[in-house]
Amino acid sequence: MATKADIEHHYDVDNNFFALFLDKKYRAYSCGVWKSAVDLDQAQAHKLDRLCRYANVQSGHHVIDVGCGWGGLMKHVVEKYPDTHVHGLTLSTEQFKYVKGNPDPKLSVELSAWQEYPAPERKFDAIISIGAFEHFASFEDHAASRQRDVYRSFFDWCLSISTSSAQIGLQTIVINRAPNSISELRDSRYLLDKVFPGSALPAISDIQAAIIDKYEISSVRRIGLDYARTLSEWNNRLILNEGNIIECYGQQLFDHYRTYFDAARRCFETGYIDLYQASLSRVKPLRILS
């Protein structure tokens, strides 16, 4: 799993830096849903709506956001669903401080990995995780064929902290195949080595294997090209703020993010990697009739 240091390597540049290219309302650092969206802000709102539906969030629910970022999903839930409370988990100190600075009593946040978060007194009615699953198993875990054990542990944990009717809204990047070219290999290595150290992408078969006898996939969307468009939008906003970014953070950081966005966009456009959104429901126990 990516360590706290791995996560902070990428996410703790500076909160104001990310605000320069992400959407204004949610500061959502993951793929938007573009089917009927006219801009980035609307695409991110559509994404949050879908993941809430996939988790079957209802008014009065107690919701957990695993990998909560800057709290955009949390804010969306309490605005749209009355009497809800959302608890966020993050390993980023800067994100933790940002969410903690929100005085809304319906929101709470913890600087913690899911493995370290114990079963709460009141179990959660819905679980949402957007763009965190990719960090759960490392490249070394995959090389040793341990990744499915890690993912099984996550879904076991989900069962332990949630009610019997709770669903999971999951969004994660997946790897579809081996690279077809040196260019694809170079792009993927840059993303793993320079952007997200300590992380490795699951295959859809890894997720399917990990949920056996725990959860079933009740709905799923595959929207990798939406992520390509989201990355293009981030890149355009980055370029618009080039002078400010170089002045405040340096040429090296600006060039790094240009390379990162271009490499990731190409990976989605070629189908080397993809983006899945899934609704997971608990498997009902089998009854043997006598």
C-alpha atoms as a PDB file:
ATOM      1  CA  MET A   1       0.000   0.000   0.000  1.00  0.00           C
ATOM      2  CA  ALA A   2       1.081   3.570  -0.598  1.00  0.00           C
ATOM      3  CA  THR A   3       2.444   4.971   2.670  1.00  0.00           C
ATOM      4  CA  LYS A   4       1.579   8.318   4.219  1.00  0.00           C
ATOM      5  CA  ALA A   5       4.874   9.636   2.820  1.00  0.00           C
ATOM      6  CA  ASP A   6       3.955   8.354  -0.666  1.00  0.00           C
ATOM      7  CA  ILE A   7       0.580  10.108  -0.536  1.00  0.00           C
ATOM      8  CA  GLU A   8       2.043  13.349   0.768  1.00  0.00           C
ATOM      9  CA  HIS A   9       4.718  13.254  -1.956  1.00  0.00           C
ATOM     10  CA  HIS A  10       1.951  13.965  -4.468  1.00  0.00           C
ATOM     11  CA  TYR A  11      -0.955  15.549  -2.604  1.00  0.00           C
ATOM     12  CA  ASP A  12       0.836  17.892  -0.214  1.00  0.00           C
ATOM     13  CA  VAL A  13       2.384  20.290  -2.742  1.00  0.00           C
ATOM     14  CA  ASP A  14       0.096  23.089  -1.569  1.00  0.00           C
ATOM     15  CA  ASN A  15      -3.687  23.340  -1.379  1.00  0.00           C
ATOM     16  CA  ASN A  16      -3.660  26.582  -3.375  1.00  0.00           C
ATOM     17  CA  PHE A  17      -1.718  24.922  -6.198  1.00  0.00           C
ATOM     18  CA  PHE A  18      -4.421  22.323  -6.835  1.00  0.00           C
ATOM     19  CA  ALA A  19      -7.097  25.028  -6.733  1.00  0.00           C
ATOM     20  CA  LEU A  20      -5.506  26.529  -9.873  1.00  0.00           C
ATOM     21  CA  PHE A  21      -6.607  23.674 -12.136  1.00  0.00           C
ATOM     22  CA  LEU A  22      -9.356  21.733 -10.339  1.00  0.00           C
ATOM     23  CA  ASP A  23     -13.055  22.671 -10.321  1.00  0.00           C
ATOM     24  CA  LYS A  24     -13.959  25.533  -8.022  1.00  0.00           C
ATOM     25  CA  LYS A  25     -16.730  24.037  -5.894  1.00  0.00           C
ATOM     26  CA  TYR A  26     -15.598  20.501  -5.089  1.00  0.00           C
ATOM     27  CA  ARG A  27     -11.872  20.566  -5.817  1.00  0.00           C
ATOM     28  CA  ALA A  28     -12.368  17.019  -7.109  1.00  0.00           C
ATOM     29  CA  TYR A  29      -9.094  15.408  -8.158  1.00  0.00           C
ATOM     30  CA  SER A  30     -10.568  12.510 -10.149  1.00  0.00           C
ATOM     31  CA  CYS A  31     -12.511  11.828 -13.353  1.00  0.00           C
ATOM     32  CA  GLY A  32     -15.687  13.780 -14.037  1.00  0.00           C
ATOM     33  CA  VAL A  33     -18.723  12.438 -15.909  1.00  0.00           C
ATOM     34  CA  TRP A  34     -19.054  14.319 -19.190  1.00  0.00           C
ATOM     35  CA  LYS A  35     -22.105  12.747 -20.878  1.00  0.00           C
ATOM     36  CA  SER A  36     -24.251  15.875 -20.542  1.00  0.00           C
ATOM     37  CA  ALA A  37     -21.829  18.222 -18.778  1.00  0.00           C
ATOM     38  CA  VAL A  38     -20.902  21.568 -20.323  1.00  0.00           C
ATOM     39  CA  ASP A  39     -17.907  22.319 -18.097  1.00  0.00           C
ATOM     40  CA  LEU A  40     -15.609  20.779 -15.489  1.00  0.00           C
ATOM     41  CA  ASP A  41     -17.693  21.881 -12.514  1.00  0.00           C
ATOM     42  CA  GLN A  42     -20.793  20.209 -13.924  1.00  0.00           C
ATOM     43  CA  ALA A  43     -18.865  17.051 -14.864  1.00  0.00           C
ATOM     44  CA  GLN A  44     -17.637  16.698 -11.287  1.00  0.00           C
ATOM     45  CA  ALA A  45     -21.139  17.257  -9.886  1.00  0.00           C
ATOM     46  CA  HIS A  46     -22.447  14.511 -12.191  1.00  0.00           C
ATOM     47  CA  LYS A  47     -19.693  12.186 -10.954  1.00  0.00           C
ATOM     48  CA  LEU A  48     -20.593  12.809  -7.321  1.00  0.00           C
ATOM     49  CA  ASP A  49     -24.291  12.308  -8.041  1.00  0.00           C
ATOM     50  CA  ARG A  50     -23.616   8.925  -9.644  1.00  0.00           C
ATOM     51  CA  LEU A  51     -21.375   7.671  -6.827  1.00  0.00           C
ATOM     52  CA  CYS A  52     -23.991   8.719  -4.255  1.00  0.00           C
ATOM     53  CA  ARG A  53     -26.620   6.764  -6.197  1.00  0.00           C
ATOM     54  CA  TYR A  54     -24.275   3.793  -6.436  1.00  0.00           C
ATOM     55  CA  ALA A  55     -23.808   3.869  -2.653  1.00  0.00           C
ATOM     56  CA  ASN A  56     -27.572   4.351  -2.218  1.00  0.00           C
ATOM     57  CA  VAL A  57     -27.075   7.406   0.005  1.00  0.00           C
ATOM     58  CA  GLN A  58     -30.310   8.487   1.686  1.00  0.00           C
ATOM     59  CA  SER A  59     -31.349  11.305   3.993  1.00  0.00           C
ATOM     60  CA  GLY A  60     -30.299  10.569   7.567  1.00  0.00           C
ATOM     61  CA  HIS A  61     -27.448   8.300   6.535  1.00  0.00           C
ATOM     62  CA  HIS A  62     -24.064   8.073   8.214  1.00  0.00           C
ATOM     63  CA  VAL A  63     -21.580   7.968   5.292  1.00  0.00           C
ATOM     64  CA  ILE A  64     -17.847   7.297   5.107  1.00  0.00           C
ATOM     65  CA  ASP A  65     -15.625   8.652   2.314  1.00  0.00           C
ATOM     66  CA  VAL A  66     -12.442   6.574   2.013  1.00  0.00           C
ATOM     67  CA  GLY A  67      -9.786   8.825   0.496  1.00  0.00           C
ATOM     68  CA  CYS A  68     -11.793  12.023   0.937  1.00  0.00           C
ATOM     69  CA  GLY A  69      -9.419  14.479  -0.763  1.00  0.00           C
ATOM     70  CA  TRP A  70     -10.447  18.069  -0.073  1.00  0.00           C
ATOM     71  CA  GLY A  71     -13.916  17.005   1.009  1.00  0.00           C
ATOM     72  CA  GLY A  72     -15.853  17.652  -2.207  1.00  0.00           C
ATOM     73  CA  LEU A  73     -17.925  14.474  -1.996  1.00  0.00           C
ATOM     74  CA  MET A  74     -18.535  15.118   1.692  1.00  0.00           C
ATOM     75  CA  LYS A  75     -19.814  18.623   0.947  1.00  0.00           C
ATOM     76  CA  HIS A  76     -22.015  17.303  -1.862  1.00  0.00           C
ATOM     77  CA  VAL A  77     -23.644  14.693   0.386  1.00  0.00           C
ATOM     78  CA  VAL A  78     -24.583  17.032   3.234  1.00  0.00           C
ATOM     79  CA  GLU A  79     -25.920  19.628   0.772  1.00  0.00           C
ATOM     80  CA  LYS A  80     -28.090  17.183  -1.170  1.00  0.00           C
ATOM     81  CA  TYR A  81     -29.222  14.725   1.526  1.00  0.00           C
ATOM     82  CA  PRO A  82     -30.763  16.221   4.696  1.00  0.00           C
ATOM     83  CA  ASP A  83     -29.631  15.050   8.118  1.00  0.00           C
ATOM     84  CA  THR A  84     -26.619  13.156   6.796  1.00  0.00           C
ATOM     85  CA  HIS A  85     -23.200  13.013   8.403  1.00  0.00           C
ATOM     86  CA  VAL A  86     -20.050  12.229   6.424  1.00  0.00           C
ATOM     87  CA  HIS A  87     -16.753  11.052   7.882  1.00  0.00           C
ATOM     88  CA  GLY A  88     -13.663  11.293   5.677  1.00  0.00           C
ATOM     89  CA  LEU A  89     -10.378   9.386   5.790  1.00  0.00           C
ATOM     90  CA  THR A  90      -7.199  10.737   4.202  1.00  0.00           C
ATOM     91  CA  LEU A  91      -3.459  10.226   4.472  1.00  0.00           C
ATOM     92  CA  SER A  92      -2.668  13.746   3.230  1.00  0.00           C
ATOM     93  CA  THR A  93      -1.869  16.218   5.997  1.00  0.00           C
ATOM     94  CA  GLU A  94      -2.760  19.197   3.799  1.00  0.00           C
ATOM     95  CA  GLN A  95      -6.103  17.702   2.785  1.00  0.00           C
ATOM     96  CA  PHE A  96      -6.827  16.855   6.417  1.00  0.00           C
ATOM     97  CA  LYS A  97      -6.167  20.462   7.468  1.00  0.00           C
ATOM     98  CA  TYR A  98      -8.337  21.780   4.651  1.00  0.00           C
ATOM     99  CA  VAL A  99     -11.349  19.606   5.516  1.00  0.00           C
ATOM    100  CA  LYS A 100     -10.816  20.132   9.243  1.00  0.00           C
ATOM    101  CA  GLY A 101     -11.097  23.861   8.613  1.00  0.00           C
ATOM    102  CA  ASN A 102     -14.740  23.444   7.569  1.00  0.00           C
ATOM    103  CA  PRO A 103     -16.885  24.254  10.638  1.00  0.00           C
ATOM    104  CA  ASP A 104     -19.895  22.213   9.428  1.00  0.00           C
ATOM    105  CA  PRO A 105     -20.788  19.794  12.283  1.00  0.00           C
ATOM    106  CA  LYS A 106     -22.121  17.336   9.687  1.00  0.00           C
ATOM    107  CA  LEU A 107     -18.568  16.750   8.468  1.00  0.00           C
ATOM    108  CA  SER A 108     -15.697  15.043  10.272  1.00  0.00           C
ATOM    109  CA  VAL A 109     -12.315  13.879   9.066  1.00  0.00           C
ATOM    110  CA  GLU A 110      -9.483  11.689  10.268  1.00  0.00           C
ATOM    111  CA  LEU A 111      -5.829  11.455   9.221  1.00  0.00           C
ATOM    112  CA  SER A 112      -5.854   7.685   8.939  1.00  0.00           C
ATOM    113  CA  ALA A 113      -5.552   4.731   6.589  1.00  0.00           C
ATOM    114  CA  TRP A 114      -8.608   2.501   6.378  1.00  0.00           C
ATOM    115  CA  GLN A 115      -6.612  -0.360   7.948  1.00  0.00           C
ATOM    116  CA  GLU A 116      -6.088   1.731  11.074  1.00  0.00           C
ATOM    117  CA  TYR A 117      -9.680   2.869  11.403  1.00  0.00           C
ATOM    118  CA  PRO A 118     -11.611   0.577  13.782  1.00  0.00           C
ATOM    119  CA  ALA A 119     -15.263  -0.383  13.588  1.00  0.00           C
ATOM    120  CA  PRO A 120     -17.223   2.659  14.834  1.00  0.00           C
ATOM    121  CA  GLU A 121     -19.920   2.618  17.498  1.00  0.00           C
ATOM    122  CA  ARG A 122     -22.499   3.578  14.870  1.00  0.00           C
ATOM    123  CA  LYS A 123     -21.967   1.647  11.671  1.00  0.00           C
ATOM    124  CA  PHE A 124     -22.035   3.450   8.351  1.00  0.00           C
ATOM    125  CA  ASP A 125     -25.067   3.305   6.062  1.00  0.00           C
ATOM    126  CA  ALA A 126     -23.057   3.939   2.892  1.00  0.00           C
ATOM    127  CA  ILE A 127     -19.421   3.740   1.776  1.00  0.00           C
ATOM    128  CA  ILE A 128     -17.908   5.803  -1.045  1.00  0.00           C
ATOM    129  CA  SER A 129     -14.343   5.664  -2.313  1.00  0.00           C
ATOM    130  CA  ILE A 130     -13.235   7.723  -5.307  1.00  0.00           C
ATOM    131  CA  GLY A 131      -9.706   7.346  -6.645  1.00  0.00           C
ATOM    132  CA  ALA A 132      -8.228   5.745  -3.515  1.00  0.00           C
ATOM    133  CA  PHE A 133      -8.410   2.043  -4.415  1.00  0.00           C
ATOM    134  CA  GLU A 134      -5.440   2.474  -6.766  1.00  0.00           C
ATOM    135  CA  HIS A 135      -3.240   3.222  -3.746  1.00  0.00           C
ATOM    136  CA  PHE A 136      -4.190   0.165  -1.681  1.00  0.00           C
ATOM    137  CA  ALA A 137      -1.725  -2.333  -3.219  1.00  0.00           C
ATOM    138  CA  SER A 138       1.849  -1.505  -4.200  1.00  0.00           C
ATOM    139  CA  PHE A 139       3.839  -2.595  -7.229  1.00  0.00           C
ATOM    140  CA  GLU A 140       5.645  -5.028  -4.908  1.00  0.00           C
ATOM    141  CA  ASP A 141       2.296  -6.484  -3.811  1.00  0.00           C
ATOM    142  CA  HIS A 142       1.382  -7.094  -7.438  1.00  0.00           C
ATOM    143  CA  ALA A 143       4.789  -8.593  -8.241  1.00  0.00           C
ATOM    144  CA  ALA A 144       4.331 -11.057  -5.359  1.00  0.00           C
ATOM    145  CA  SER A 145       0.660 -11.731  -6.309  1.00  0.00           C
ATOM    146  CA  ARG A 146      -0.489 -10.305  -2.961  1.00  0.00           C
ATOM    147  CA  GLN A 147      -2.786  -7.619  -4.357  1.00  0.00           C
ATOM    148  CA  ARG A 148      -5.977  -9.670  -4.145  1.00  0.00           C
ATOM    149  CA  ASP A 149      -5.323 -10.358  -0.474  1.00  0.00           C
ATOM    150  CA  VAL A 150      -5.028  -6.604   0.094  1.00  0.00           C
ATOM    151  CA  TYR A 151      -8.270  -5.940  -1.764  1.00  0.00           C
ATOM    152  CA  ARG A 152     -10.051  -8.757   0.116  1.00  0.00           C
ATOM    153  CA  SER A 153      -8.950  -7.150   3.365  1.00  0.00           C
ATOM    154  CA  PHE A 154     -10.435  -3.842   2.261  1.00  0.00           C
ATOM    155  CA  PHE A 155     -13.809  -5.382   1.444  1.00  0.00           C
ATOM    156  CA  ASP A 156     -13.772  -7.336   4.728  1.00  0.00           C
ATOM    157  CA  TRP A 157     -13.149  -4.030   6.490  1.00  0.00           C
ATOM    158  CA  CYS A 158     -16.059  -2.469   4.601  1.00  0.00           C
ATOM    159  CA  LEU A 159     -18.315  -5.243   5.889  1.00  0.00           C
ATOM    160  CA  SER A 160     -17.103  -4.691   9.453  1.00  0.00           C
ATOM    161  CA  ILE A 161     -17.807  -0.947   9.563  1.00  0.00           C
ATOM    162  CA  SER A 162     -21.160  -0.856   7.767  1.00  0.00           C
ATOM    163  CA  THR A 163     -24.765  -1.892   8.244  1.00  0.00           C
ATOM    164  CA  SER A 164     -26.188  -4.992   6.590  1.00  0.00           C
ATOM    165  CA  SER A 165     -27.893  -2.883   3.905  1.00  0.00           C
ATOM    166  CA  ALA A 166     -24.946  -0.592   3.153  1.00  0.00           C
ATOM    167  CA  GLN A 167     -23.694  -0.337  -0.425  1.00  0.00           C
ATOM    168  CA  ILE A 168     -20.337   0.819  -1.797  1.00  0.00           C
ATOM    169  CA  GLY A 169     -19.916   3.424  -4.511  1.00  0.00           C
ATOM    170  CA  LEU A 170     -16.456   2.721  -5.916  1.00  0.00           C
ATOM    171  CA  GLN A 171     -14.508   4.622  -8.551  1.00  0.00           C
ATOM    172  CA  THR A 172     -11.084   3.343  -9.544  1.00  0.00           C
ATOM    173  CA  ILE A 173      -8.648   3.303 -12.432  1.00  0.00           C
ATOM    174  CA  VAL A 174      -7.896  -0.203 -13.701  1.00  0.00           C
ATOM    175  CA  ILE A 175      -5.244  -1.610 -16.001  1.00  0.00           C
ATOM    176  CA  ASN A 176      -6.637  -3.377 -19.072  1.00  0.00           C
ATOM    177  CA  ARG A 177      -3.608  -5.034 -20.637  1.00  0.00           C
ATOM    178  CA  ALA A 178       0.149  -5.103 -21.014  1.00  0.00           C
ATOM    179  CA  PRO A 179       1.685  -2.084 -22.798  1.00  0.00           C
ATOM    180  CA  ASN A 180       1.690  -2.334 -26.586  1.00  0.00           C
ATOM    181  CA  SER A 181       4.602   0.015 -27.173  1.00  0.00           C
ATOM    182  CA  ILE A 182       7.651   1.632 -25.624  1.00  0.00           C
ATOM    183  CA  SER A 183       5.645   4.856 -25.445  1.00  0.00           C
ATOM    184  CA  GLU A 184       2.920   3.230 -23.333  1.00  0.00           C
ATOM    185  CA  LEU A 185       5.524   1.628 -21.079  1.00  0.00           C
ATOM    186  CA  ARG A 186       7.313   4.960 -20.669  1.00  0.00           C
ATOM    187  CA  ASP A 187       4.064   6.742 -19.790  1.00  0.00           C
ATOM    188  CA  SER A 188       3.060   4.122 -17.228  1.00  0.00           C
ATOM    189  CA  ARG A 189       6.486   4.092 -15.589  1.00  0.00           C
ATOM    190  CA  TYR A 190       6.411   7.885 -15.252  1.00  0.00           C
ATOM    191  CA  LEU A 191       3.030   7.725 -13.543  1.00  0.00           C
ATOM    192  CA  LEU A 192       4.108   4.978 -11.128  1.00  0.00           C
ATOM    193  CA  ASP A 193       7.612   6.272 -10.385  1.00  0.00           C
ATOM    194  CA  LYS A 194       7.207  10.058 -10.491  1.00  0.00           C
ATOM    195  CA  VAL A 195       3.546  10.742  -9.764  1.00  0.00           C
ATOM    196  CA  PHE A 196       2.106   7.977  -7.558  1.00  0.00           C
ATOM    197  CA  PRO A 197       4.952   6.098  -5.841  1.00  0.00           C
ATOM    198  CA  GLY A 198       3.900   3.104  -3.757  1.00  0.00           C
ATOM    199  CA  SER A 199       0.812   2.491  -5.882  1.00  0.00           C
ATOM    200  CA  ALA A 200      -0.195   0.083  -8.645  1.00  0.00           C
ATOM    201  CA  LEU A 201      -3.389  -0.331 -10.632  1.00  0.00           C
ATOM    202  CA  PRO A 202      -5.788  -3.227 -10.105  1.00  0.00           C
ATOM    203  CA  ALA A 203      -7.220  -5.297 -12.927  1.00  0.00           C
ATOM    204  CA  ILE A 204     -10.987  -5.654 -13.014  1.00  0.00           C
ATOM    205  CA  SER A 205     -10.434  -9.377 -12.355  1.00  0.00           C
ATOM    206  CA  ASP A 206      -8.635  -8.448  -9.104  1.00  0.00           C
ATOM    207  CA  ILE A 207     -11.747  -6.642  -7.897  1.00  0.00           C
ATOM    208  CA  GLN A 208     -14.029  -9.468  -9.018  1.00  0.00           C
ATOM    209  CA  ALA A 209     -11.894 -12.007  -7.146  1.00  0.00           C
ATOM    210  CA  ALA A 210     -11.720  -9.869  -4.008  1.00  0.00           C
ATOM    211  CA  ILE A 211     -15.489  -9.452  -3.598  1.00  0.00           C
ATOM    212  CA  ILE A 212     -16.445 -13.134  -3.902  1.00  0.00           C
ATOM    213  CA  ASP A 213     -18.878 -14.060  -1.091  1.00  0.00           C
ATOM    214  CA  LYS A 214     -18.790 -10.448   0.125  1.00  0.00           C
ATOM    215  CA  TYR A 215     -20.254  -8.136  -2.499  1.00  0.00           C
ATOM    216  CA  GLU A 216     -21.815  -8.313  -5.923  1.00  0.00           C
ATOM    217  CA  ILE A 217     -21.592  -5.705  -8.680  1.00  0.00           C
ATOM    218  CA  SER A 218     -25.116  -4.365  -9.154  1.00  0.00           C
ATOM    219  CA  SER A 219     -24.212  -1.522 -11.560  1.00  0.00           C
ATOM    220  CA  VAL A 220     -21.044  -0.539 -13.393  1.00  0.00           C
ATOM    221  CA  ARG A 221     -19.871   2.159 -15.809  1.00  0.00           C
ATOM    222  CA  ARG A 222     -16.654   2.199 -17.827  1.00  0.00           C
ATOM    223  CA  ILE A 223     -15.658   5.788 -18.654  1.00  0.00           C
ATOM    224  CA  GLY A 224     -11.947   5.968 -19.400  1.00  0.00           C
ATOM    225  CA  LEU A 225     -12.448   8.521 -22.185  1.00  0.00           C
ATOM    226  CA  ASP A 226     -14.168  10.801 -19.662  1.00  0.00           C
ATOM    227  CA  TYR A 227     -10.914  10.765 -17.719  1.00  0.00           C
ATOM    228  CA  ALA A 228      -8.962  11.711 -20.858  1.00  0.00           C
ATOM    229  CA  ARG A 229     -11.224  14.737 -21.236  1.00  0.00           C
ATOM    230  CA  THR A 230     -10.904  15.609 -17.539  1.00  0.00           C
ATOM    231  CA  LEU A 231      -7.104  15.514 -17.829  1.00  0.00           C
ATOM    232  CA  SER A 232      -7.231  17.750 -20.896  1.00  0.00           C
ATOM    233  CA  GLU A 233      -9.337  20.238 -18.958  1.00  0.00           C
ATOM    234  CA  TRP A 234      -6.890  20.210 -16.038  1.00  0.00           C
ATOM    235  CA  ASN A 235      -3.993  20.670 -18.458  1.00  0.00           C
ATOM    236  CA  ASN A 236      -5.690  23.668 -20.104  1.00  0.00           C
ATOM    237  CA  ARG A 237      -6.235  25.292 -16.728  1.00  0.00           C
ATOM    238  CA  LEU A 238      -2.649  24.549 -15.752  1.00  0.00           C
ATOM    239  CA  ILE A 239      -1.382  26.328 -18.885  1.00  0.00           C
ATOM    240  CA  LEU A 240      -3.657  29.319 -18.230  1.00  0.00           C
ATOM    241  CA  ASN A 241      -1.975  29.671 -14.820  1.00  0.00           C
ATOM    242  CA  GLU A 242       1.562  28.953 -16.068  1.00  0.00           C
ATOM    243  CA  GLY A 243       3.066  32.267 -14.958  1.00  0.00           C
ATOM    244  CA  ASN A 244       1.565  32.096 -11.479  1.00  0.00           C
ATOM    245  CA  ILE A 245       2.593  28.456 -11.014  1.00  0.00           C
ATOM    246  CA  ILE A 246       6.194  29.036 -12.118  1.00  0.00           C
ATOM    247  CA  GLU A 247       6.489  32.119  -9.923  1.00  0.00           C
ATOM    248  CA  CYS A 248       5.087  30.397  -6.827  1.00  0.00           C
ATOM    249  CA  TYR A 249       6.215  26.787  -7.281  1.00  0.00           C
ATOM    250  CA  GLY A 250       8.929  26.726  -9.946  1.00  0.00           C
ATOM    251  CA  GLN A 251       9.372  25.593 -13.539  1.00  0.00           C
ATOM    252  CA  GLN A 252      10.100  22.012 -12.509  1.00  0.00           C
ATOM    253  CA  LEU A 253       6.702  21.489 -10.885  1.00  0.00           C
ATOM    254  CA  PHE A 254       4.885  23.034 -13.845  1.00  0.00           C
ATOM    255  CA  ASP A 255       6.762  20.799 -16.308  1.00  0.00           C
ATOM    256  CA  HIS A 256       6.135  17.746 -14.112  1.00  0.00           C
ATOM    257  CA  TYR A 257       2.365  18.258 -14.152  1.00  0.00           C
ATOM    258  CA  ARG A 258       2.314  18.898 -17.905  1.00  0.00           C
ATOM    259  CA  THR A 259       4.150  15.587 -18.425  1.00  0.00           C
ATOM    260  CA  TYR A 260       1.887  13.802 -15.931  1.00  0.00           C
ATOM    261  CA  PHE A 261      -1.368  15.008 -17.479  1.00  0.00           C
ATOM    262  CA  ASP A 262      -0.225  14.215 -21.033  1.00  0.00           C
ATOM    263  CA  ALA A 263       1.033  10.732 -20.098  1.00  0.00           C
ATOM    264  CA  ALA A 264      -2.160   9.844 -18.228  1.00  0.00           C
ATOM    265  CA  ARG A 265      -4.388  11.181 -21.018  1.00  0.00           C
ATOM    266  CA  ARG A 266      -2.589   9.055 -23.611  1.00  0.00           C
ATOM    267  CA  CYS A 267      -2.993   5.945 -21.424  1.00  0.00           C
ATOM    268  CA  PHE A 268      -6.762   6.443 -21.271  1.00  0.00           C
ATOM    269  CA  GLU A 269      -7.089   7.312 -24.961  1.00  0.00           C
ATOM    270  CA  THR A 270      -5.333   4.120 -26.065  1.00  0.00           C
ATOM    271  CA  GLY A 271      -7.325   1.933 -23.659  1.00  0.00           C
ATOM    272  CA  TYR A 272      -4.178   0.819 -21.859  1.00  0.00           C
ATOM    273  CA  ILE A 273      -5.889   1.901 -18.642  1.00  0.00           C
ATOM    274  CA  ASP A 274      -9.569   2.556 -17.955  1.00  0.00           C
ATOM    275  CA  LEU A 275     -11.869   4.004 -15.311  1.00  0.00           C
ATOM    276  CA  TYR A 276     -14.633   2.013 -13.640  1.00  0.00           C
ATOM    277  CA  GLN A 277     -17.469   3.210 -11.444  1.00  0.00           C
ATOM    278  CA  ALA A 278     -19.276   0.411  -9.628  1.00  0.00           C
ATOM    279  CA  SER A 279     -22.130  -0.100  -7.216  1.00  0.00           C
ATOM    280  CA  LEU A 280     -21.412  -2.968  -4.834  1.00  0.00           C
ATOM    281  CA  SER A 281     -24.163  -4.591  -2.766  1.00  0.00           C
ATOM    282  CA  ARG A 282     -23.699  -7.121   0.015  1.00  0.00           C
ATOM    283  CA  VAL A 283     -24.108 -10.734  -1.010  1.00  0.00           C
ATOM    284  CA  LYS A 284     -27.169 -12.178   0.657  1.00  0.00           C
ATOM    285  CA  PRO A 285     -26.490 -15.372   2.627  1.00  0.00           C
ATOM    286  CA  LEU A 286     -27.713 -18.554   0.987  1.00  0.00           C
ATOM    287  CA  ARG A 287     -30.449 -20.454   2.792  1.00  0.00           C
ATOM    288  CA  ILE A 288     -30.606 -24.203   2.444  1.00  0.00           C
ATOM    289  CA  LEU A 289     -34.200 -25.368   2.643  1.00  0.00           C
ATOM    290  CA  SER A 290     -34.775 -28.673   4.390  1.00  0.00           C
END
